[in-house]
Structure formats: C-alpha cells, structure tokens
Amino acid sequence: MEAVIKGIGIDATELERVAKIIERRPHFIERILTPAEQTLFASHSSHRQVEFLAGRYACKEAFSKAWGTGIGKVSFQDLEILRDESGAPIFTKSPHHGNVFVSLTHTDELAIAQVVLEE
C-alpha cells in the first residue's frame, strides 16, 4: 500500500516574542507544554528554554495547519513533541493515526517547524 500525504504545515515563531511572553505570563508554559515537555523545558538554561518553547509552539501550530483545523479544534495539550533516541523532535501524542513527521530549526530570531501527516 502506498503512503498518502494527508497534510503539510509550517510555522515560524519569534524567539523574542516568546521570551517576553514567558516574562509577563509564566503560566503560558503550562498552556503550551504537556507535563513531559515541561520536564524537558526545565532541564535547559533560560536561553535554551526560550528556544525550546518557541520550537514546540511552532511544531504544534504547524501540526494544526497540516491537520487542517488550526489550534482550537486540536489543543496544545493534544500534541506532544519529545525526542527520539538521537535527540531529534518526535510527536509522541497527536490525534493523527498515521505517521507524523516533523522538522524543526532555529535561527537567532526564529524557531521554524514543518509537519507532514502521512496515512
């Protein structure tokens, strides 16, 4: 059976914006990250925490675009991105029953994620 692409999504999140949100509204972390993601988040330095949160936010937004609904029909807590054995990001929780592929990169200013859903 051939694999079929169900959706593709991409998102870019500004690191400076996320840093300001963390300062003003620390509960934003719990709104975006699952408990397992929060554990990873806490293990990083403050600069790396901003990159981590921005990256997970971008991944979840990209997933919602690939899913075709945007955030709202699928919540941030419905999605979890941890790490595989080599340290790469991997979706460990989502409403999609097929494969979920994610690519995540950072610049000095942005976290950029792309998600492909395959059936």
C-alpha atoms as a PDB file:
ATOM      1  CA  MET A   1       0.000   0.000   0.000  1.00  0.00           C
ATOM      2  CA  GLU A   2       1.264   3.455  -0.920  1.00  0.00           C
ATOM      3  CA  ALA A   3       1.741   6.166   1.676  1.00  0.00           C
ATOM      4  CA  VAL A   4      -0.540   9.171   1.208  1.00  0.00           C
ATOM      5  CA  ILE A   5       0.230  12.675   2.405  1.00  0.00           C
ATOM      6  CA  LYS A   6      -2.769  13.962   4.376  1.00  0.00           C
ATOM      7  CA  GLY A   7      -1.386  17.398   5.172  1.00  0.00           C
ATOM      8  CA  ILE A   8       1.619  19.698   5.359  1.00  0.00           C
ATOM      9  CA  GLY A   9       2.006  22.594   7.784  1.00  0.00           C
ATOM     10  CA  ILE A  10       4.707  25.128   8.554  1.00  0.00           C
ATOM     11  CA  ASP A  11       5.115  27.765  11.259  1.00  0.00           C
ATOM     12  CA  ALA A  12       7.717  30.325  12.324  1.00  0.00           C
ATOM     13  CA  THR A  13       7.755  31.682  15.880  1.00  0.00           C
ATOM     14  CA  GLU A  14       9.786  34.689  17.024  1.00  0.00           C
ATOM     15  CA  LEU A  15      12.094  33.924  19.949  1.00  0.00           C
ATOM     16  CA  GLU A  16      11.962  37.480  21.309  1.00  0.00           C
ATOM     17  CA  ARG A  17       8.173  37.371  21.420  1.00  0.00           C
ATOM     18  CA  VAL A  18       8.227  34.075  23.341  1.00  0.00           C
ATOM     19  CA  ALA A  19      10.806  35.454  25.810  1.00  0.00           C
ATOM     20  CA  LYS A  20       8.546  38.436  26.539  1.00  0.00           C
ATOM     21  CA  ILE A  21       5.502  36.176  26.981  1.00  0.00           C
ATOM     22  CA  ILE A  22       7.407  33.980  29.456  1.00  0.00           C
ATOM     23  CA  GLU A  23       8.305  37.081  31.492  1.00  0.00           C
ATOM     24  CA  ARG A  24       4.771  38.523  31.516  1.00  0.00           C
ATOM     25  CA  ARG A  25       2.729  35.323  31.694  1.00  0.00           C
ATOM     26  CA  PRO A  26       4.708  32.346  33.065  1.00  0.00           C
ATOM     27  CA  HIS A  27       1.544  30.170  33.009  1.00  0.00           C
ATOM     28  CA  PHE A  28       1.873  30.281  29.189  1.00  0.00           C
ATOM     29  CA  ILE A  29       4.420  27.474  29.578  1.00  0.00           C
ATOM     30  CA  GLU A  30       1.813  25.136  31.104  1.00  0.00           C
ATOM     31  CA  ARG A  31      -0.742  26.114  28.469  1.00  0.00           C
ATOM     32  CA  ILE A  32       1.584  25.136  25.617  1.00  0.00           C
ATOM     33  CA  LEU A  33       3.665  22.269  27.025  1.00  0.00           C
ATOM     34  CA  THR A  34       2.478  18.894  28.293  1.00  0.00           C
ATOM     35  CA  PRO A  35       3.900  17.704  31.645  1.00  0.00           C
ATOM     36  CA  ALA A  36       6.552  15.594  29.858  1.00  0.00           C
ATOM     37  CA  GLU A  37       7.545  18.579  27.682  1.00  0.00           C
ATOM     38  CA  GLN A  38       7.699  20.775  30.803  1.00  0.00           C
ATOM     39  CA  THR A  39      10.229  18.352  32.291  1.00  0.00           C
ATOM     40  CA  LEU A  40      12.467  18.758  29.222  1.00  0.00           C
ATOM     41  CA  PHE A  41      11.925  22.538  29.292  1.00  0.00           C
ATOM     42  CA  ALA A  42      13.038  22.755  32.939  1.00  0.00           C
ATOM     43  CA  SER A  43      16.291  20.917  32.189  1.00  0.00           C
ATOM     44  CA  HIS A  44      17.554  23.750  29.937  1.00  0.00           C
ATOM     45  CA  SER A  45      19.221  27.122  30.553  1.00  0.00           C
ATOM     46  CA  SER A  46      16.928  30.157  30.288  1.00  0.00           C
ATOM     47  CA  HIS A  47      18.051  30.988  26.712  1.00  0.00           C
ATOM     48  CA  ARG A  48      17.570  27.399  25.626  1.00  0.00           C
ATOM     49  CA  GLN A  49      14.148  27.352  27.361  1.00  0.00           C
ATOM     50  CA  VAL A  50      13.008  30.169  25.058  1.00  0.00           C
ATOM     51  CA  GLU A  51      14.208  28.199  22.012  1.00  0.00           C
ATOM     52  CA  PHE A  52      12.546  25.033  23.305  1.00  0.00           C
ATOM     53  CA  LEU A  53       9.178  26.669  23.996  1.00  0.00           C
ATOM     54  CA  ALA A  54       9.201  28.565  20.695  1.00  0.00           C
ATOM     55  CA  GLY A  55      10.085  25.352  18.874  1.00  0.00           C
ATOM     56  CA  ARG A  56       7.322  23.317  20.480  1.00  0.00           C
ATOM     57  CA  TYR A  57       4.844  26.140  19.844  1.00  0.00           C
ATOM     58  CA  ALA A  58       5.889  26.217  16.156  1.00  0.00           C
ATOM     59  CA  CYS A  59       5.587  22.412  15.901  1.00  0.00           C
ATOM     60  CA  LYS A  60       2.094  22.416  17.365  1.00  0.00           C
ATOM     61  CA  GLU A  61       0.960  25.302  15.143  1.00  0.00           C
ATOM     62  CA  ALA A  62       2.428  23.529  12.090  1.00  0.00           C
ATOM     63  CA  PHE A  63       0.600  20.325  13.077  1.00  0.00           C
ATOM     64  CA  SER A  64      -2.711  22.179  13.388  1.00  0.00           C
ATOM     65  CA  LYS A  65      -2.214  23.636   9.907  1.00  0.00           C
ATOM     66  CA  ALA A  66      -1.392  20.213   8.458  1.00  0.00           C
ATOM     67  CA  TRP A  67      -4.421  18.798  10.288  1.00  0.00           C
ATOM     68  CA  GLY A  68      -6.489  21.471   8.555  1.00  0.00           C
ATOM     69  CA  THR A  69      -8.141  22.928  11.633  1.00  0.00           C
ATOM     70  CA  GLY A  70      -5.767  25.353  13.280  1.00  0.00           C
ATOM     71  CA  ILE A  71      -5.373  25.459  17.053  1.00  0.00           C
ATOM     72  CA  GLY A  72      -8.813  25.314  18.626  1.00  0.00           C
ATOM     73  CA  LYS A  73     -10.117  22.070  17.142  1.00  0.00           C
ATOM     74  CA  VAL A  74      -6.899  20.495  18.389  1.00  0.00           C
ATOM     75  CA  SER A  75      -5.368  21.898  21.584  1.00  0.00           C
ATOM     76  CA  PHE A  76      -1.746  22.392  22.560  1.00  0.00           C
ATOM     77  CA  GLN A  77      -2.241  19.653  25.181  1.00  0.00           C
ATOM     78  CA  ASP A  78      -3.457  17.197  22.500  1.00  0.00           C
ATOM     79  CA  LEU A  79       0.023  17.371  20.956  1.00  0.00           C
ATOM     80  CA  GLU A  80       3.325  16.296  22.467  1.00  0.00           C
ATOM     81  CA  ILE A  81       6.796  16.504  20.944  1.00  0.00           C
ATOM     82  CA  LEU A  82       9.599  14.781  22.833  1.00  0.00           C
ATOM     83  CA  ARG A  83      12.907  13.430  21.484  1.00  0.00           C
ATOM     84  CA  ASP A  84      13.825  10.203  19.775  1.00  0.00           C
ATOM     85  CA  GLU A  85      16.947   8.225  20.728  1.00  0.00           C
ATOM     86  CA  SER A  86      19.155  10.532  18.621  1.00  0.00           C
ATOM     87  CA  GLY A  87      17.675  13.715  20.132  1.00  0.00           C
ATOM     88  CA  ALA A  88      15.503  14.694  17.160  1.00  0.00           C
ATOM     89  CA  PRO A  89      11.977  16.002  17.829  1.00  0.00           C
ATOM     90  CA  ILE A  90       9.239  13.385  17.507  1.00  0.00           C
ATOM     91  CA  PHE A  91       5.485  13.570  18.030  1.00  0.00           C
ATOM     92  CA  THR A  92       4.594  11.196  20.857  1.00  0.00           C
ATOM     93  CA  LYS A  93       0.960  12.331  21.086  1.00  0.00           C
ATOM     94  CA  SER A  94      -1.474  13.600  18.456  1.00  0.00           C
ATOM     95  CA  PRO A  95      -4.967  12.854  17.129  1.00  0.00           C
ATOM     96  CA  HIS A  96      -3.485  11.677  13.802  1.00  0.00           C
ATOM     97  CA  HIS A  97      -3.393   7.882  13.482  1.00  0.00           C
ATOM     98  CA  GLY A  98      -0.791   7.750  10.697  1.00  0.00           C
ATOM     99  CA  ASN A  99       2.815   8.904  10.675  1.00  0.00           C
ATOM    100  CA  VAL A 100       3.681  12.422  11.798  1.00  0.00           C
ATOM    101  CA  PHE A 101       6.983  13.798  10.530  1.00  0.00           C
ATOM    102  CA  VAL A 102       8.450  16.984  11.998  1.00  0.00           C
ATOM    103  CA  SER A 103      11.449  19.114  11.134  1.00  0.00           C
ATOM    104  CA  LEU A 104      12.482  21.899  13.499  1.00  0.00           C
ATOM    105  CA  THR A 105      15.192  24.520  13.106  1.00  0.00           C
ATOM    106  CA  HIS A 106      16.248  27.665  14.940  1.00  0.00           C
ATOM    107  CA  THR A 107      17.944  30.887  13.908  1.00  0.00           C
ATOM    108  CA  ASP A 108      18.986  33.683  16.261  1.00  0.00           C
ATOM    109  CA  GLU A 109      15.472  35.127  15.862  1.00  0.00           C
ATOM    110  CA  LEU A 110      13.100  32.310  14.860  1.00  0.00           C
ATOM    111  CA  ALA A 111      12.016  28.747  15.554  1.00  0.00           C
ATOM    112  CA  ILE A 112      10.673  27.187  12.339  1.00  0.00           C
ATOM    113  CA  ALA A 113       8.807  23.884  12.156  1.00  0.00           C
ATOM    114  CA  GLN A 114       7.366  21.837   9.332  1.00  0.00           C
ATOM    115  CA  VAL A 115       4.985  18.917   9.853  1.00  0.00           C
ATOM    116  CA  VAL A 116       3.904  16.293   7.338  1.00  0.00           C
ATOM    117  CA  LEU A 117       0.992  13.952   8.091  1.00  0.00           C
ATOM    118  CA  GLU A 118       1.033  10.627   6.273  1.00  0.00           C
ATOM    119  CA  GLU A 119      -1.705   7.994   6.149  1.00  0.00           C
END
